[in-house]
Amino acid sequence: MGQKADIGLIGLAVMGENLVLNMESKGYTVAVFNRTVEKVDRFINGRGKGKNFIGTHSLVEVVDSLSRPRKVMMLVKAGQPVDGFIDQLIPLLEPGDIIIDGGNSHFPDTIRRTEYVESKGLLYIGTGVSGGEEGALKGPSMMPGGSPEAWPLVKEIFQSVAAKVEDGSPCCDWVGENGAGHFVKMVHNGIEYGDMQIINEAYHLMKTLLGMDAFEQHEVFKKWNRGVLDSYLIEITADILGFKDEDGSPIVEKILDTAGQKGTGKWTAVTALDLGIPLTLIGESVFSRCLSAQKDLREKAAKVLTGPTPAFKGDKEAFINDLEQAIYGAKIISYAQGYDLMREAAKEYGWHLNYGGIALMWRGGCIIRSRFLADIKKAYDKDPQLENLLFDPFFKDSVEAAQESWRRVCATALQNGIPVPALTSALTYFDGFRNAQLPANLLQAQRDYFGAHQYERIDKPRGEFFHTDWTGHGGNTASTTYEV
């Protein structure tokens, strides 16, 4: 064989096809393979014609076409297909070669696979890739983790194809050991769920409470995208609201109100529960999609359950300004919670995460890219050990400045019977977080009453546990486990 490829890619679906075109445009030769080999031929004779691609019809051909150390990237469906390709590749590779999973794998699977592949003398990378079809082609955000020895061998390729921010910095850097890359991508997707839900609640309020049509809202979102909410999701929301159907009406109003999900938001919420982190906004965003999917039940409920009839009597323009601040405040809480989850996971799994670097990776190419992330990077650059985003002076001042507007929006929505679960849960978290005293003392007394779970006292040192015989006939035996 003549020229060797710099990297091989398995999986020529939308993301794979666009990513290899991106790689080739940066000067790399790519060997491509797809389980349905006809896709390889179509690509080589279509979008890849005349370019530096090597079409292959087997994994043996892929491996044979690669320069050493071999780098084989998979962009296939998460789950068993990834494990299947790993098992087929291992016998074909040599020590020091690298297997890369660029799909949406769950991070525990990546932890397991890294250990397994390394036990065979090979290196493994699990990298989150965000940005969709356009991002893959023009520059995605990439979040690699796995075998640290593999990073220098793929760094040039990954950072060449990744999105760049204003100063030319790539939206790609090493995240951490084993499953860290896919974990950070999972949190990215959870935050994406939250951002989308907040935007949808604003849309619902403007539509149902203020009586604004989609085209009026289009102008509001365009304006918002020039301010503190400047982001990809605000931008595309403006585009969607301004898009006309064939009859000139807004097409968004003809779309069925049932949301889909691929599971990454749910993974984020479940992981937060496992680690004991109050990820309330993202959790509500997942449940909101679940509620939307119960369309038939909601239609039945609408016929039998009543609530207030929305009627807005205030200043419409002032409410829209309040709404902008409410979105901003909730967005700050969402990221504070997401970063709290990453900090706890780093402790749990022994990862060394660069939190400012993560914000940089999210500033371009990915779905949650926004001006806002530059402020997060500054916060963590200033204090890499920042315990919570709300302790940074910029975000403290911002969320405190937003809260008056935010409270008006939530109160008005609740009084008018319009659901705003993400906006309200974020505000409730803020109020809980800023309170040194919460009613959990009563809760712990209840647990001790019915289950002898014990409690700590404010007049005794932390770590001393007590049990009360609340009924007078419960005895002194207490539970052997104490869980805060």
Protein backbone atom coordinates (compact mmCIF):
# COMPACT_ATOMS: atom_id res chain seq x y z
CA MET A 1 0.00 0.00 0.00
CA GLY A 2 1.18 3.53 -0.77
CA GLN A 3 0.24 6.52 1.37
CA LYS A 4 -0.74 5.71 4.94
CA ALA A 5 -3.66 7.40 6.70
CA ASP A 6 -3.20 9.58 9.77
CA ILE A 7 -6.34 8.26 11.42
CA GLY A 8 -9.12 5.78 10.71
CA LEU A 9 -12.81 6.31 11.30
CA ILE A 10 -15.55 3.70 11.72
CA GLY A 11 -19.09 4.91 11.13
CA LEU A 12 -20.13 7.06 8.18
CA ALA A 13 -23.43 8.36 9.48
CA VAL A 14 -24.05 12.13 9.60
CA MET A 15 -21.51 12.92 12.33
CA GLY A 16 -18.82 10.57 11.04
CA GLU A 17 -19.06 11.72 7.45
CA ASN A 18 -18.84 15.39 8.38
CA LEU A 19 -16.03 14.89 10.88
CA VAL A 20 -13.79 13.09 8.35
CA LEU A 21 -14.43 15.87 5.82
CA ASN A 22 -13.32 18.31 8.52
CA MET A 23 -10.17 16.26 9.20
CA GLU A 24 -9.32 16.01 5.51
CA SER A 25 -9.78 19.75 5.05
CA LYS A 26 -7.10 20.30 7.71
CA GLY A 27 -4.58 18.25 5.75
CA TYR A 28 -5.05 14.77 7.21
CA THR A 29 -5.52 11.56 5.29
CA VAL A 30 -8.37 9.49 6.72
CA ALA A 31 -9.18 5.80 6.26
CA VAL A 32 -12.93 5.30 6.40
CA PHE A 33 -15.02 2.21 7.11
CA ASN A 34 -18.69 1.49 7.65
CA ARG A 35 -20.33 -1.80 8.59
CA THR A 36 -22.59 -1.33 5.56
CA VAL A 37 -19.72 -1.10 3.07
CA GLU A 38 -21.89 0.40 0.34
CA LYS A 39 -21.81 3.63 2.38
CA VAL A 40 -18.02 3.68 2.02
CA ASP A 41 -18.24 3.47 -1.76
CA ARG A 42 -20.97 6.11 -1.93
CA PHE A 43 -18.89 8.47 0.20
CA ILE A 44 -15.64 7.90 -1.72
CA ASN A 45 -17.46 8.51 -5.00
CA GLY A 46 -19.58 11.36 -3.64
CA ARG A 47 -18.63 13.94 -1.02
CA GLY A 48 -15.17 12.41 -0.62
CA LYS A 49 -14.33 12.20 -4.30
CA GLY A 50 -10.87 13.49 -5.19
CA LYS A 51 -9.94 14.03 -1.54
CA ASN A 52 -7.41 12.34 0.74
CA PHE A 53 -9.53 9.41 1.87
CA ILE A 54 -8.78 5.71 1.83
CA GLY A 55 -11.96 3.68 1.47
CA THR A 56 -11.84 0.30 3.22
CA HIS A 57 -14.22 -2.65 3.28
CA SER A 58 -12.98 -4.39 6.44
CA LEU A 59 -11.41 -3.61 9.78
CA VAL A 60 -8.27 -5.41 8.63
CA GLU A 61 -8.01 -2.96 5.73
CA VAL A 62 -8.57 -0.01 8.09
CA VAL A 63 -5.75 -1.10 10.40
CA ASP A 64 -3.38 -1.94 7.55
CA SER A 65 -3.89 1.51 6.02
CA LEU A 66 -2.84 3.44 9.15
CA SER A 67 0.51 4.92 10.11
CA ARG A 68 1.90 3.92 13.53
CA PRO A 69 0.90 4.35 16.26
CA ARG A 70 -2.47 3.52 14.75
CA LYS A 71 -5.42 5.68 15.71
CA VAL A 72 -8.89 4.24 15.09
CA MET A 73 -11.91 6.37 15.95
CA MET A 74 -15.45 5.01 16.25
CA LEU A 75 -18.56 7.14 15.69
CA VAL A 76 -21.16 4.43 16.15
CA LYS A 77 -24.26 3.93 18.29
CA ALA A 78 -23.49 3.84 22.02
CA GLY A 79 -23.69 0.54 23.85
CA GLN A 80 -23.02 -2.91 22.44
CA PRO A 81 -21.81 -1.73 19.00
CA VAL A 82 -18.87 0.05 20.71
CA ASP A 83 -17.92 -3.06 22.68
CA GLY A 84 -18.28 -5.16 19.55
CA PHE A 85 -15.88 -3.04 17.52
CA ILE A 86 -13.39 -2.90 20.40
CA ASP A 87 -13.30 -6.69 20.58
CA GLN A 88 -12.79 -6.91 16.82
CA LEU A 89 -10.05 -4.27 16.79
CA ILE A 90 -7.92 -5.49 19.69
CA PRO A 91 -6.49 -8.56 17.86
CA LEU A 92 -5.59 -6.38 14.87
CA LEU A 93 -3.68 -3.70 16.78
CA GLU A 94 -0.27 -3.51 18.45
CA PRO A 95 0.82 -2.14 21.86
CA GLY A 96 0.62 1.65 21.89
CA ASP A 97 -2.12 1.86 19.26
CA ILE A 98 -5.17 3.92 20.18
CA ILE A 99 -8.89 3.15 20.05
CA ILE A 100 -11.11 6.25 20.23
CA ASP A 101 -14.84 6.34 20.98
CA GLY A 102 -16.35 9.60 19.73
CA GLY A 103 -19.97 8.65 20.37
CA ASN A 104 -22.32 9.51 23.24
CA SER A 105 -21.23 6.69 25.52
CA HIS A 106 -22.17 6.64 29.19
CA PHE A 107 -19.10 7.47 31.26
CA PRO A 108 -19.16 4.26 33.41
CA ASP A 109 -18.84 2.29 30.15
CA THR A 110 -15.83 4.42 29.21
CA ILE A 111 -14.23 3.78 32.61
CA ARG A 112 -14.69 0.05 32.05
CA ARG A 113 -13.49 0.13 28.45
CA THR A 114 -10.37 2.16 29.27
CA GLU A 115 -9.33 -0.44 31.85
CA TYR A 116 -10.09 -3.30 29.46
CA VAL A 117 -8.25 -1.83 26.46
CA GLU A 118 -5.25 -0.84 28.56
CA SER A 119 -5.08 -4.39 29.92
CA LYS A 120 -4.46 -5.49 26.32
CA GLY A 121 -1.49 -3.11 25.98
CA LEU A 122 -3.44 -0.55 23.95
CA LEU A 123 -4.54 3.03 24.68
CA TYR A 124 -8.11 4.28 24.85
CA ILE A 125 -9.84 7.63 24.50
CA GLY A 126 -13.50 8.39 25.10
CA THR A 127 -14.24 11.83 23.70
CA GLY A 128 -17.41 13.83 23.76
CA VAL A 129 -18.09 15.53 20.42
CA SER A 130 -20.66 18.32 20.41
CA GLY A 131 -22.00 20.61 17.73
CA GLY A 132 -24.18 18.38 15.61
CA GLU A 133 -23.79 18.03 11.85
CA GLU A 134 -22.57 21.59 11.29
CA GLY A 135 -20.13 21.42 14.19
CA ALA A 136 -18.64 18.14 12.99
CA LEU A 137 -17.99 19.68 9.57
CA LYS A 138 -16.84 23.18 10.56
CA GLY A 139 -15.43 22.64 14.05
CA PRO A 140 -16.96 20.83 17.03
CA SER A 141 -16.26 21.07 20.72
CA MET A 142 -14.28 17.98 21.73
CA MET A 143 -13.84 16.66 25.27
CA PRO A 144 -11.31 13.79 25.34
CA GLY A 145 -10.48 11.63 28.33
CA GLY A 146 -9.03 8.16 28.86
CA SER A 147 -5.42 6.99 28.72
CA PRO A 148 -3.26 10.09 29.37
CA GLU A 149 -0.42 8.63 27.24
CA ALA A 150 -2.72 8.78 24.21
CA TRP A 151 -3.33 12.54 24.33
CA PRO A 152 -0.02 13.74 22.83
CA LEU A 153 -0.54 11.32 19.95
CA VAL A 154 -3.95 12.71 18.94
CA LYS A 155 -3.72 16.28 20.25
CA GLU A 156 -2.70 17.88 16.95
CA ILE A 157 -5.52 16.22 14.98
CA PHE A 158 -8.20 16.91 17.60
CA GLN A 159 -7.24 20.55 18.14
CA SER A 160 -6.91 21.15 14.40
CA VAL A 161 -10.48 20.05 13.68
CA ALA A 162 -12.05 21.58 16.81
CA ALA A 163 -13.82 24.94 16.87
CA LYS A 164 -11.74 27.99 17.74
CA VAL A 165 -12.63 30.99 19.90
CA GLU A 166 -11.74 34.61 19.14
CA ASP A 167 -8.07 34.34 20.11
CA GLY A 168 -7.62 31.12 18.15
CA SER A 169 -7.70 28.79 21.17
CA PRO A 170 -9.18 25.40 20.24
CA CYS A 171 -12.35 24.20 21.94
CA CYS A 172 -10.61 20.95 22.78
CA ASP A 173 -8.20 19.96 25.52
CA TRP A 174 -7.45 16.96 27.67
CA VAL A 175 -10.21 16.54 30.27
CA GLY A 176 -8.94 13.75 32.51
CA GLU A 177 -8.54 10.06 33.20
CA ASN A 178 -10.72 7.16 31.93
CA GLY A 179 -14.37 8.33 31.70
CA ALA A 180 -13.78 12.03 32.42
CA GLY A 181 -14.28 13.14 28.81
CA HIS A 182 -17.62 11.42 28.40
CA PHE A 183 -18.67 12.61 31.86
CA VAL A 184 -18.05 16.25 30.92
CA LYS A 185 -19.95 15.71 27.65
CA MET A 186 -22.83 14.22 29.68
CA VAL A 187 -22.92 17.31 31.90
CA HIS A 188 -22.79 19.48 28.77
CA ASN A 189 -25.87 17.68 27.49
CA GLY A 190 -27.63 18.06 30.84
CA ILE A 191 -26.98 21.80 30.80
CA GLU A 192 -28.25 21.80 27.22
CA TYR A 193 -31.53 20.28 28.49
CA GLY A 194 -31.73 23.04 31.11
CA ASP A 195 -30.99 25.89 28.71
CA MET A 196 -33.62 24.60 26.28
CA GLN A 197 -36.26 24.23 28.99
CA ILE A 198 -35.68 27.76 30.31
CA ILE A 199 -36.07 29.11 26.76
CA ASN A 200 -39.23 27.07 26.25
CA GLU A 201 -40.76 28.45 29.45
CA ALA A 202 -40.05 32.00 28.25
CA TYR A 203 -41.70 31.16 24.92
CA HIS A 204 -44.72 29.71 26.74
CA LEU A 205 -45.11 32.81 28.93
CA MET A 206 -44.89 35.21 25.98
CA LYS A 207 -47.35 33.13 24.00
CA THR A 208 -49.91 32.20 26.66
CA LEU A 209 -49.71 35.11 29.08
CA LEU A 210 -48.71 38.04 26.85
CA GLY A 211 -50.55 36.82 23.74
CA MET A 212 -47.50 37.29 21.51
CA ASP A 213 -47.30 35.41 18.23
CA ALA A 214 -44.15 33.62 17.08
CA PHE A 215 -43.06 36.46 14.81
CA GLU A 216 -43.22 38.98 17.68
CA GLN A 217 -41.22 36.58 19.81
CA HIS A 218 -38.71 36.22 16.99
CA GLU A 219 -37.86 39.90 17.41
CA VAL A 220 -37.48 39.54 21.19
CA PHE A 221 -35.09 36.62 20.89
CA LYS A 222 -33.07 38.49 18.23
CA LYS A 223 -32.70 41.36 20.68
CA TRP A 224 -31.79 39.03 23.55
CA ASN A 225 -29.08 37.46 21.42
CA ARG A 226 -27.30 40.82 21.35
CA GLY A 227 -27.14 41.00 25.16
CA VAL A 228 -26.17 38.81 28.13
CA LEU A 229 -28.09 35.85 26.67
CA ASP A 230 -26.01 35.80 23.46
CA SER A 231 -25.78 32.08 22.64
CA TYR A 232 -26.34 29.47 19.97
CA LEU A 233 -29.63 28.27 21.49
CA ILE A 234 -31.08 31.80 21.71
CA GLU A 235 -29.94 32.40 18.13
CA ILE A 236 -31.59 29.28 16.72
CA THR A 237 -34.74 29.94 18.76
CA ALA A 238 -35.04 33.31 17.03
CA ASP A 239 -34.58 31.58 13.67
CA ILE A 240 -37.22 28.96 14.48
CA LEU A 241 -39.79 31.50 15.65
CA GLY A 242 -39.32 33.52 12.44
CA PHE A 243 -39.58 30.53 10.09
CA LYS A 244 -42.75 30.48 7.98
CA ASP A 245 -44.65 27.46 6.69
CA GLU A 246 -45.84 27.35 3.08
CA ASP A 247 -48.99 29.28 4.00
CA GLY A 248 -46.97 32.05 5.69
CA SER A 249 -47.84 31.03 9.25
CA PRO A 250 -45.15 30.18 11.84
CA ILE A 251 -44.22 26.53 11.41
CA VAL A 252 -43.37 26.15 15.11
CA GLU A 253 -47.08 26.33 15.97
CA LYS A 254 -47.75 23.27 13.80
CA ILE A 255 -45.25 21.03 15.60
CA LEU A 256 -46.69 18.51 18.08
CA ASP A 257 -45.80 19.41 21.68
CA THR A 258 -44.13 16.13 22.64
CA ALA A 259 -40.37 16.29 23.25
CA GLY A 260 -37.93 13.48 22.59
CA GLN A 261 -34.73 12.67 24.44
CA LYS A 262 -31.78 10.35 23.92
CA GLY A 263 -31.04 9.80 27.60
CA THR A 264 -27.99 11.96 28.33
CA GLY A 265 -30.03 14.46 30.35
CA LYS A 266 -31.46 11.58 32.37
CA TRP A 267 -27.94 10.21 32.92
CA THR A 268 -26.90 13.61 34.30
CA ALA A 269 -29.84 13.75 36.72
CA VAL A 270 -29.38 10.14 37.89
CA THR A 271 -25.64 10.68 38.41
CA ALA A 272 -26.42 13.78 40.48
CA LEU A 273 -28.74 11.69 42.65
CA ASP A 274 -26.06 9.02 43.02
CA LEU A 275 -23.50 11.64 44.11
CA GLY A 276 -25.91 13.64 46.27
CA ILE A 277 -25.72 16.86 44.25
CA PRO A 278 -28.88 19.06 44.01
CA LEU A 279 -29.08 19.32 40.22
CA THR A 280 -32.62 20.62 40.41
CA LEU A 281 -32.95 22.61 37.19
CA ILE A 282 -31.67 19.85 34.91
CA GLY A 283 -33.79 17.30 36.78
CA GLU A 284 -36.91 19.39 36.16
CA SER A 285 -35.92 19.77 32.51
CA VAL A 286 -35.83 15.99 32.10
CA PHE A 287 -39.18 15.57 33.85
CA SER A 288 -40.68 18.33 31.68
CA ARG A 289 -39.84 16.30 28.59
CA CYS A 290 -41.40 13.25 30.23
CA LEU A 291 -44.57 15.23 30.99
CA SER A 292 -44.71 16.54 27.42
CA ALA A 293 -44.60 12.95 26.16
CA GLN A 294 -47.82 12.18 28.07
CA LYS A 295 -49.83 13.99 25.41
CA ASP A 296 -52.91 11.77 25.57
CA LEU A 297 -53.12 12.03 29.37
CA ARG A 298 -52.66 15.80 29.24
CA GLU A 299 -55.46 16.14 26.70
CA LYS A 300 -57.78 14.16 29.00
CA ALA A 301 -56.68 16.20 32.02
CA ALA A 302 -57.32 19.46 30.15
CA LYS A 303 -61.00 18.47 29.87
CA VAL A 304 -61.53 17.78 33.58
CA LEU A 305 -58.99 19.84 35.56
CA THR A 306 -59.31 23.61 35.88
CA GLY A 307 -56.98 26.38 36.97
CA PRO A 308 -56.65 30.12 36.56
CA THR A 309 -57.27 31.67 33.17
CA PRO A 310 -54.10 33.59 32.17
CA ALA A 311 -54.77 37.33 32.17
CA PHE A 312 -51.90 39.80 32.09
CA LYS A 313 -52.63 43.32 33.34
CA GLY A 314 -49.16 44.78 33.72
CA ASP A 315 -46.58 46.45 31.50
CA LYS A 316 -45.79 44.02 28.69
CA GLU A 317 -42.40 45.53 27.81
CA ALA A 318 -41.34 45.56 31.47
CA PHE A 319 -42.33 41.90 31.83
CA ILE A 320 -40.25 40.95 28.78
CA ASN A 321 -37.28 42.72 30.37
CA ASP A 322 -37.94 40.83 33.61
CA LEU A 323 -38.10 37.61 31.62
CA GLU A 324 -34.65 38.23 30.17
CA GLN A 325 -33.24 38.60 33.68
CA ALA A 326 -35.10 35.51 34.90
CA ILE A 327 -33.56 33.43 32.11
CA TYR A 328 -30.12 34.81 32.95
CA GLY A 329 -30.49 34.10 36.67
CA ALA A 330 -31.71 30.55 36.06
CA LYS A 331 -28.89 29.96 33.58
CA ILE A 332 -26.32 30.95 36.21
CA ILE A 333 -27.88 28.46 38.64
CA SER A 334 -27.86 25.70 36.02
CA TYR A 335 -24.14 26.09 35.40
CA ALA A 336 -23.40 26.42 39.12
CA GLN A 337 -25.15 23.10 39.68
CA GLY A 338 -23.42 21.47 36.70
CA TYR A 339 -19.99 22.54 37.92
CA ASP A 340 -20.88 21.35 41.43
CA LEU A 341 -21.60 17.93 39.93
CA MET A 342 -18.28 17.88 38.07
CA ARG A 343 -16.37 18.80 41.25
CA GLU A 344 -18.01 15.99 43.18
CA ALA A 345 -17.41 13.48 40.39
CA ALA A 346 -13.74 14.49 40.23
CA LYS A 347 -13.42 13.62 43.92
CA GLU A 348 -15.36 10.38 43.50
CA TYR A 349 -13.41 9.10 40.48
CA GLY A 350 -10.00 10.66 41.11
CA TRP A 351 -10.11 12.94 38.06
CA HIS A 352 -8.07 16.12 37.71
CA LEU A 353 -10.50 18.41 35.89
CA ASN A 354 -9.57 21.85 34.54
CA TYR A 355 -12.81 23.76 35.12
CA GLY A 356 -11.74 26.91 33.28
CA GLY A 357 -10.55 24.73 30.40
CA ILE A 358 -13.95 23.02 30.27
CA ALA A 359 -15.65 26.42 29.91
CA LEU A 360 -13.24 27.19 27.06
CA MET A 361 -14.09 23.89 25.36
CA TRP A 362 -17.78 24.86 25.54
CA ARG A 363 -17.30 28.40 24.22
CA GLY A 364 -17.34 27.34 20.57
CA GLY A 365 -18.59 24.51 18.41
CA CYS A 366 -21.02 22.98 20.90
CA ILE A 367 -24.75 23.38 21.45
CA ILE A 368 -24.42 25.41 24.67
CA ARG A 369 -21.82 27.81 23.30
CA SER A 370 -22.41 31.33 24.54
CA ARG A 371 -20.81 34.60 25.60
CA PHE A 372 -21.63 33.58 29.17
CA LEU A 373 -18.97 30.85 29.18
CA ALA A 374 -16.16 33.39 28.87
CA ASP A 375 -17.21 34.70 32.29
CA ILE A 376 -17.09 31.17 33.74
CA LYS A 377 -13.57 30.68 32.36
CA LYS A 378 -12.48 33.96 33.97
CA ALA A 379 -13.96 32.86 37.31
CA TYR A 380 -12.04 29.57 37.35
CA ASP A 381 -8.87 31.10 35.95
CA LYS A 382 -8.99 33.54 38.87
CA ASP A 383 -9.72 30.79 41.41
CA PRO A 384 -9.20 27.19 40.15
CA GLN A 385 -10.45 25.90 43.53
CA LEU A 386 -13.72 27.88 43.38
CA GLU A 387 -16.21 25.82 45.43
CA ASN A 388 -19.34 27.13 43.73
CA LEU A 389 -19.86 29.50 40.81
CA LEU A 390 -22.08 31.67 43.01
CA PHE A 391 -19.07 32.51 45.18
CA ASP A 392 -17.39 34.31 42.27
CA PRO A 393 -18.04 38.08 42.61
CA PHE A 394 -19.24 38.47 39.02
CA PHE A 395 -21.85 35.71 39.27
CA LYS A 396 -22.84 36.65 42.83
CA ASP A 397 -23.58 40.20 41.68
CA SER A 398 -25.30 39.02 38.50
CA VAL A 399 -27.69 36.58 40.17
CA GLU A 400 -28.50 39.06 42.95
CA ALA A 401 -29.23 41.75 40.36
CA ALA A 402 -31.51 39.36 38.44
CA GLN A 403 -33.53 38.06 41.37
CA GLU A 404 -36.11 40.84 41.67
CA SER A 405 -37.15 40.42 38.03
CA TRP A 406 -36.88 36.65 38.33
CA ARG A 407 -39.22 36.56 41.35
CA ARG A 408 -41.80 38.70 39.55
CA VAL A 409 -41.77 36.36 36.56
CA CYS A 410 -42.16 33.21 38.69
CA ALA A 411 -44.89 34.73 40.84
CA THR A 412 -46.83 35.95 37.80
CA ALA A 413 -46.51 32.55 36.10
CA LEU A 414 -47.75 30.68 39.17
CA GLN A 415 -50.66 33.08 39.72
CA ASN A 416 -51.73 32.54 36.13
CA GLY A 417 -51.31 28.75 36.14
CA ILE A 418 -48.49 28.64 33.60
CA PRO A 419 -45.88 25.94 34.38
CA VAL A 420 -42.31 27.19 34.78
CA PRO A 421 -40.58 24.27 36.53
CA ALA A 422 -37.02 25.18 35.52
CA LEU A 423 -37.28 28.87 36.40
CA THR A 424 -38.90 28.14 39.77
CA SER A 425 -36.66 25.23 40.74
CA ALA A 426 -33.58 27.32 40.00
CA LEU A 427 -34.91 30.19 42.14
CA THR A 428 -35.79 27.77 44.94
CA TYR A 429 -32.25 26.34 44.83
CA PHE A 430 -30.84 29.86 45.10
CA ASP A 431 -33.00 30.57 48.14
CA GLY A 432 -32.06 27.26 49.74
CA PHE A 433 -28.36 27.68 49.00
CA ARG A 434 -28.19 31.17 50.49
CA ASN A 435 -29.90 30.07 53.73
CA ALA A 436 -27.64 28.87 56.55
CA GLN A 437 -30.66 27.34 58.31
CA LEU A 438 -33.01 24.91 56.54
CA PRO A 439 -35.85 22.84 58.08
CA ALA A 440 -33.91 19.57 57.80
CA ASN A 441 -33.61 19.52 61.60
CA LEU A 442 -37.30 18.55 61.72
CA LEU A 443 -36.78 16.07 58.91
CA GLN A 444 -33.93 14.39 60.80
CA ALA A 445 -36.08 14.26 63.94
CA GLN A 446 -38.79 12.51 61.90
CA ARG A 447 -36.25 9.97 60.63
CA ASP A 448 -35.05 9.34 64.15
CA TYR A 449 -38.64 8.99 65.40
CA PHE A 450 -39.71 6.28 62.96
CA GLY A 451 -36.35 4.64 62.19
CA ALA A 452 -33.92 5.51 64.98
CA HIS A 453 -31.64 7.07 62.32
CA GLN A 454 -30.02 9.46 64.87
CA TYR A 455 -29.15 13.12 64.51
CA GLU A 456 -26.39 15.62 65.27
CA ARG A 457 -26.92 18.51 67.68
CA ILE A 458 -26.02 22.17 67.16
CA ASP A 459 -24.70 22.36 70.74
CA LYS A 460 -22.36 19.39 70.24
CA PRO A 461 -19.37 18.80 67.90
CA ARG A 462 -20.07 17.55 64.37
CA GLY A 463 -19.67 13.78 64.18
CA GLU A 464 -21.44 13.00 67.47
CA PHE A 465 -24.79 11.25 66.92
CA PHE A 466 -27.81 11.06 69.22
CA HIS A 467 -31.08 9.15 69.42
CA THR A 468 -34.20 10.14 71.32
CA ASP A 469 -36.84 7.75 72.64
CA TRP A 470 -39.67 9.90 71.25
CA THR A 471 -42.56 7.65 72.41
CA GLY A 472 -41.23 6.62 75.81
CA HIS A 473 -41.23 2.95 74.87
CA GLY A 474 -38.75 2.81 72.01
CA GLY A 475 -35.65 1.92 74.01
CA ASN A 476 -32.11 3.15 73.38
CA THR A 477 -31.23 1.06 70.31
CA ALA A 478 -30.35 3.20 67.30
CA SER A 479 -29.75 2.42 63.65
CA THR A 480 -26.22 1.26 62.85
CA THR A 481 -26.05 3.56 59.81
CA TYR A 482 -26.36 7.30 59.76
CA GLU A 483 -26.95 9.03 56.48
CA VAL A 484 -27.04 12.79 56.14
